[in-house]
Amino acid sequence: MLEDASSNDLSYLDELPTEGGQFSVLPNAKSDDFSKPKSLDTAPSLSKPKKKKRKMHDLAKNSLVKHDDMVSETLADMLAAQGNDEKAIEMYDRLSLIFPEKSNYFAAKIEKLRKT
């Protein structure tokens, strides 16, 4: 079995239809039919959009900008855990104005931060 597979027996190729001793890919096919389509020659080339080059200094400066519009209890908790008590207190104050039904809850968190 392995001997048959390892030998170069190409006798099955004799049964394939040929034209003049050569394989015919397509009937009436010319070699020009397989060249690059002409529409690709006239198509406009696409280029990558240019990226704006931003200096590292500008990126660092933008990261230090205080974003007052970002307010969440999770962020306030993270600030408190990192030791930024004043920022956490400010955020809890803003949260108590946004969510008056939870103002007692935020007041308790503020008192806890002020005691530590």
C-alpha atoms as a PDB file:
ATOM      1  CA  MET A   1       0.000   0.000   0.000  1.00  0.00           C
ATOM      2  CA  LEU A   2       2.746   2.449   0.953  1.00  0.00           C
ATOM      3  CA  GLU A   3       4.796   1.471  -2.060  1.00  0.00           C
ATOM      4  CA  ASP A   4       2.005   2.599  -4.390  1.00  0.00           C
ATOM      5  CA  ALA A   5       1.776   5.971  -2.658  1.00  0.00           C
ATOM      6  CA  SER A   6       5.510   6.541  -2.600  1.00  0.00           C
ATOM      7  CA  SER A   7       6.094   5.711  -6.264  1.00  0.00           C
ATOM      8  CA  ASN A   8       5.614   8.422  -8.833  1.00  0.00           C
ATOM      9  CA  ASP A   9       2.774   6.699 -10.657  1.00  0.00           C
ATOM     10  CA  LEU A  10       1.189   9.390 -12.766  1.00  0.00           C
ATOM     11  CA  SER A  11      -0.667   7.058 -15.098  1.00  0.00           C
ATOM     12  CA  TYR A  12      -3.974   8.663 -14.164  1.00  0.00           C
ATOM     13  CA  LEU A  13      -2.846  11.766 -16.050  1.00  0.00           C
ATOM     14  CA  ASP A  14      -3.055   9.809 -19.296  1.00  0.00           C
ATOM     15  CA  GLU A  15      -6.825   9.708 -18.929  1.00  0.00           C
ATOM     16  CA  LEU A  16      -7.186  13.502 -18.722  1.00  0.00           C
ATOM     17  CA  PRO A  17      -8.293  15.246 -21.906  1.00  0.00           C
ATOM     18  CA  THR A  18      -5.445  17.051 -23.603  1.00  0.00           C
ATOM     19  CA  GLU A  19      -5.146  19.105 -26.707  1.00  0.00           C
ATOM     20  CA  GLY A  20      -2.002  18.579 -28.738  1.00  0.00           C
ATOM     21  CA  GLY A  21      -0.153  16.977 -25.827  1.00  0.00           C
ATOM     22  CA  GLN A  22      -0.783  19.953 -23.507  1.00  0.00           C
ATOM     23  CA  PHE A  23      -3.483  20.516 -20.952  1.00  0.00           C
ATOM     24  CA  SER A  24      -6.181  22.937 -21.957  1.00  0.00           C
ATOM     25  CA  VAL A  25      -7.315  25.141 -19.094  1.00  0.00           C
ATOM     26  CA  LEU A  26     -10.238  26.746 -20.851  1.00  0.00           C
ATOM     27  CA  PRO A  27     -11.521  26.187 -24.347  1.00  0.00           C
ATOM     28  CA  ASN A  28     -10.484  29.047 -26.636  1.00  0.00           C
ATOM     29  CA  ALA A  29      -8.507  30.694 -23.819  1.00  0.00           C
ATOM     30  CA  LYS A  30      -5.677  33.015 -24.809  1.00  0.00           C
ATOM     31  CA  SER A  31      -2.718  33.885 -22.644  1.00  0.00           C
ATOM     32  CA  ASP A  32      -3.861  37.533 -22.714  1.00  0.00           C
ATOM     33  CA  ASP A  33      -7.033  36.522 -20.885  1.00  0.00           C
ATOM     34  CA  PHE A  34      -5.000  35.753 -17.770  1.00  0.00           C
ATOM     35  CA  SER A  35      -3.063  39.001 -17.636  1.00  0.00           C
ATOM     36  CA  LYS A  36      -3.803  41.780 -15.181  1.00  0.00           C
ATOM     37  CA  PRO A  37      -7.198  43.390 -15.852  1.00  0.00           C
ATOM     38  CA  LYS A  38      -6.941  46.746 -17.573  1.00  0.00           C
ATOM     39  CA  SER A  39      -9.271  48.334 -15.052  1.00  0.00           C
ATOM     40  CA  LEU A  40      -6.579  47.914 -12.395  1.00  0.00           C
ATOM     41  CA  ASP A  41      -4.150  49.956 -14.463  1.00  0.00           C
ATOM     42  CA  THR A  42      -6.498  52.924 -14.623  1.00  0.00           C
ATOM     43  CA  ALA A  43      -7.900  52.642 -11.092  1.00  0.00           C
ATOM     44  CA  PRO A  44      -6.847  55.428  -8.736  1.00  0.00           C
ATOM     45  CA  SER A  45      -4.368  54.308  -6.144  1.00  0.00           C
ATOM     46  CA  LEU A  46      -5.449  54.385  -2.544  1.00  0.00           C
ATOM     47  CA  SER A  47      -3.160  55.759   0.084  1.00  0.00           C
ATOM     48  CA  LYS A  48      -3.349  55.485   3.835  1.00  0.00           C
ATOM     49  CA  PRO A  49      -4.778  58.527   5.573  1.00  0.00           C
ATOM     50  CA  LYS A  50      -2.127  60.621   7.220  1.00  0.00           C
ATOM     51  CA  LYS A  51      -2.070  60.327  10.969  1.00  0.00           C
ATOM     52  CA  LYS A  52      -1.829  63.445  13.013  1.00  0.00           C
ATOM     53  CA  LYS A  53       1.487  63.536  14.745  1.00  0.00           C
ATOM     54  CA  ARG A  54       1.012  64.528  18.316  1.00  0.00           C
ATOM     55  CA  LYS A  55       3.934  65.191  20.502  1.00  0.00           C
ATOM     56  CA  MET A  56       4.352  63.177  23.658  1.00  0.00           C
ATOM     57  CA  HIS A  57       4.291  66.416  25.638  1.00  0.00           C
ATOM     58  CA  ASP A  58       0.806  67.239  24.343  1.00  0.00           C
ATOM     59  CA  LEU A  59      -0.468  63.788  25.247  1.00  0.00           C
ATOM     60  CA  ALA A  60       0.920  64.058  28.756  1.00  0.00           C
ATOM     61  CA  LYS A  61      -0.555  67.518  29.212  1.00  0.00           C
ATOM     62  CA  ASN A  62      -3.986  66.321  28.082  1.00  0.00           C
ATOM     63  CA  SER A  63      -3.900  63.432  30.548  1.00  0.00           C
ATOM     64  CA  LEU A  64      -3.520  65.862  33.443  1.00  0.00           C
ATOM     65  CA  VAL A  65      -6.589  67.887  32.519  1.00  0.00           C
ATOM     66  CA  LYS A  66      -9.287  67.555  35.132  1.00  0.00           C
ATOM     67  CA  HIS A  67     -12.513  66.171  33.725  1.00  0.00           C
ATOM     68  CA  ASP A  68     -15.313  67.566  35.858  1.00  0.00           C
ATOM     69  CA  ASP A  69     -18.004  65.896  33.800  1.00  0.00           C
ATOM     70  CA  MET A  70     -16.852  62.398  34.776  1.00  0.00           C
ATOM     71  CA  VAL A  71     -18.674  61.510  37.968  1.00  0.00           C
ATOM     72  CA  SER A  72     -19.396  58.052  39.310  1.00  0.00           C
ATOM     73  CA  GLU A  73     -19.547  56.332  42.645  1.00  0.00           C
ATOM     74  CA  THR A  74     -17.009  53.762  41.492  1.00  0.00           C
ATOM     75  CA  LEU A  75     -14.540  56.484  40.524  1.00  0.00           C
ATOM     76  CA  ALA A  76     -15.058  58.201  43.878  1.00  0.00           C
ATOM     77  CA  ASP A  77     -14.441  54.889  45.661  1.00  0.00           C
ATOM     78  CA  MET A  78     -11.242  54.400  43.657  1.00  0.00           C
ATOM     79  CA  LEU A  79     -10.038  57.903  44.487  1.00  0.00           C
ATOM     80  CA  ALA A  80     -10.672  57.245  48.175  1.00  0.00           C
ATOM     81  CA  ALA A  81      -8.838  53.907  48.016  1.00  0.00           C
ATOM     82  CA  GLN A  82      -5.850  55.628  46.390  1.00  0.00           C
ATOM     83  CA  GLY A  83      -5.708  58.219  49.158  1.00  0.00           C
ATOM     84  CA  ASN A  84      -7.138  61.110  47.124  1.00  0.00           C
ATOM     85  CA  ASP A  85      -9.628  61.955  49.854  1.00  0.00           C
ATOM     86  CA  GLU A  86     -10.281  65.560  48.761  1.00  0.00           C
ATOM     87  CA  LYS A  87     -11.102  64.551  45.196  1.00  0.00           C
ATOM     88  CA  ALA A  88     -13.284  61.711  46.455  1.00  0.00           C
ATOM     89  CA  ILE A  89     -15.166  64.091  48.770  1.00  0.00           C
ATOM     90  CA  GLU A  90     -15.753  66.532  45.897  1.00  0.00           C
ATOM     91  CA  MET A  91     -17.089  63.717  43.760  1.00  0.00           C
ATOM     92  CA  TYR A  92     -19.376  62.423  46.533  1.00  0.00           C
ATOM     93  CA  ASP A  93     -20.708  66.000  46.921  1.00  0.00           C
ATOM     94  CA  ARG A  94     -21.519  66.178  43.207  1.00  0.00           C
ATOM     95  CA  LEU A  95     -23.092  62.729  43.330  1.00  0.00           C
ATOM     96  CA  SER A  96     -25.331  63.780  46.216  1.00  0.00           C
ATOM     97  CA  LEU A  97     -26.589  66.689  44.094  1.00  0.00           C
ATOM     98  CA  ILE A  98     -27.190  64.445  41.096  1.00  0.00           C
ATOM     99  CA  PHE A  99     -28.858  61.706  43.160  1.00  0.00           C
ATOM    100  CA  PRO A 100     -30.643  63.448  46.063  1.00  0.00           C
ATOM    101  CA  GLU A 101     -32.259  60.174  47.151  1.00  0.00           C
ATOM    102  CA  LYS A 102     -28.761  58.852  47.980  1.00  0.00           C
ATOM    103  CA  SER A 103     -27.487  62.030  49.655  1.00  0.00           C
ATOM    104  CA  ASN A 104     -27.489  60.405  53.126  1.00  0.00           C
ATOM    105  CA  TYR A 105     -25.413  57.527  51.780  1.00  0.00           C
ATOM    106  CA  PHE A 106     -22.863  59.895  50.224  1.00  0.00           C
ATOM    107  CA  ALA A 107     -22.827  62.074  53.366  1.00  0.00           C
ATOM    108  CA  ALA A 108     -21.859  59.010  55.408  1.00  0.00           C
ATOM    109  CA  LYS A 109     -19.017  58.248  52.982  1.00  0.00           C
ATOM    110  CA  ILE A 110     -17.830  61.864  53.199  1.00  0.00           C
ATOM    111  CA  GLU A 111     -17.841  61.760  57.015  1.00  0.00           C
ATOM    112  CA  LYS A 112     -15.891  58.503  56.984  1.00  0.00           C
ATOM    113  CA  LEU A 113     -13.252  60.067  54.705  1.00  0.00           C
ATOM    114  CA  ARG A 114     -12.959  63.195  56.867  1.00  0.00           C
ATOM    115  CA  LYS A 115     -12.390  61.113  60.009  1.00  0.00           C
ATOM    116  CA  THR A 116      -9.493  59.206  58.486  1.00  0.00           C
END
